[in-house]
Amino acid sequence: MSEAFKYLSAAIAAGAAALAASWGNGKVITKTVESMARQPESAGNLRSTMFIGVGLIEAVPILAIVIAFLILFL
């Protein structure tokens, strides 16, 4: 029974992190595109800031996968 709970908790951790990261990336990209449409002259600055934000958001599911592996194999 505990083996099943390990698999279930690892799957929930990875799935929730992927869902949250995709929602966060969508919000960041949407707001960046809206800002570029309003002020096209600041598009370069907004784009570089967006890439930094998306990179930080993508770190969350990577850490969740590491935690899921720790749950499975420890």
Protein backbone atom coordinates (compact mmCIF):
# COMPACT_ATOMS: atom_id res chain seq x y z
CA MET A 1 0.00 0.00 0.00
CA SER A 2 2.79 2.45 0.79
CA GLU A 3 4.33 1.78 -2.64
CA ALA A 4 1.09 2.95 -4.27
CA PHE A 5 1.10 6.12 -2.17
CA LYS A 6 4.66 6.86 -3.26
CA TYR A 7 3.70 6.66 -6.92
CA LEU A 8 0.55 8.67 -6.37
CA SER A 9 2.30 11.45 -4.46
CA ALA A 10 5.10 11.67 -7.03
CA ALA A 11 2.55 11.92 -9.85
CA ILE A 12 0.56 14.59 -8.03
CA ALA A 13 3.70 16.64 -7.31
CA ALA A 14 4.87 16.52 -10.93
CA GLY A 15 1.41 17.14 -12.38
CA ALA A 16 0.59 20.06 -10.10
CA ALA A 17 3.93 21.69 -10.81
CA ALA A 18 3.48 21.31 -14.57
CA LEU A 19 -0.03 22.75 -14.37
CA ALA A 20 1.06 25.71 -12.26
CA ALA A 21 4.05 26.44 -14.49
CA SER A 22 1.97 26.37 -17.66
CA TRP A 23 -0.58 28.72 -16.09
CA GLY A 24 2.18 31.06 -14.90
CA ASN A 25 3.91 31.08 -18.29
CA GLY A 26 0.61 31.87 -19.98
CA LYS A 27 -0.01 34.81 -17.68
CA VAL A 28 3.51 36.21 -18.12
CA ILE A 29 3.48 35.89 -21.90
CA THR A 30 -0.04 37.32 -22.18
CA LYS A 31 0.81 40.40 -20.14
CA THR A 32 4.07 40.89 -22.05
CA VAL A 33 2.30 40.79 -25.41
CA GLU A 34 -0.34 43.22 -24.13
CA SER A 35 2.40 45.58 -22.93
CA MET A 36 4.23 45.34 -26.27
CA ALA A 37 1.02 46.20 -28.09
CA ARG A 38 0.54 49.29 -25.93
CA GLN A 39 4.16 50.49 -26.05
CA PRO A 40 6.02 49.01 -29.03
CA GLU A 41 9.13 51.08 -28.30
CA SER A 42 9.78 49.13 -25.09
CA ALA A 43 9.41 45.70 -26.72
CA GLY A 44 13.09 44.77 -26.38
CA ASN A 45 13.21 45.50 -22.67
CA LEU A 46 9.92 43.70 -22.07
CA ARG A 47 11.04 40.67 -24.05
CA SER A 48 14.26 40.24 -22.09
CA THR A 49 12.40 40.63 -18.80
CA MET A 50 9.83 38.08 -19.98
CA PHE A 51 12.53 35.52 -20.77
CA ILE A 52 14.00 35.92 -17.29
CA GLY A 53 10.56 35.47 -15.74
CA VAL A 54 9.74 32.43 -17.85
CA GLY A 55 13.09 30.88 -16.94
CA LEU A 56 12.39 31.36 -13.25
CA ILE A 57 8.91 29.91 -13.64
CA GLU A 58 10.30 26.85 -15.44
CA ALA A 59 12.61 26.15 -12.49
CA VAL A 60 9.60 25.17 -10.37
CA PRO A 61 8.59 22.00 -12.31
CA ILE A 62 12.22 20.94 -12.52
CA LEU A 63 12.47 21.10 -8.75
CA ALA A 64 9.15 19.26 -8.47
CA ILE A 65 10.51 16.44 -10.64
CA VAL A 66 13.56 16.21 -8.38
CA ILE A 67 11.26 15.99 -5.35
CA ALA A 68 9.15 13.36 -7.11
CA PHE A 69 12.27 11.28 -7.75
CA LEU A 70 13.28 11.67 -4.12
CA ILE A 71 9.83 10.45 -3.06
CA LEU A 72 10.08 7.44 -5.37
CA PHE A 73 13.61 6.31 -4.68
CA LEU A 74 14.19 7.20 -1.03
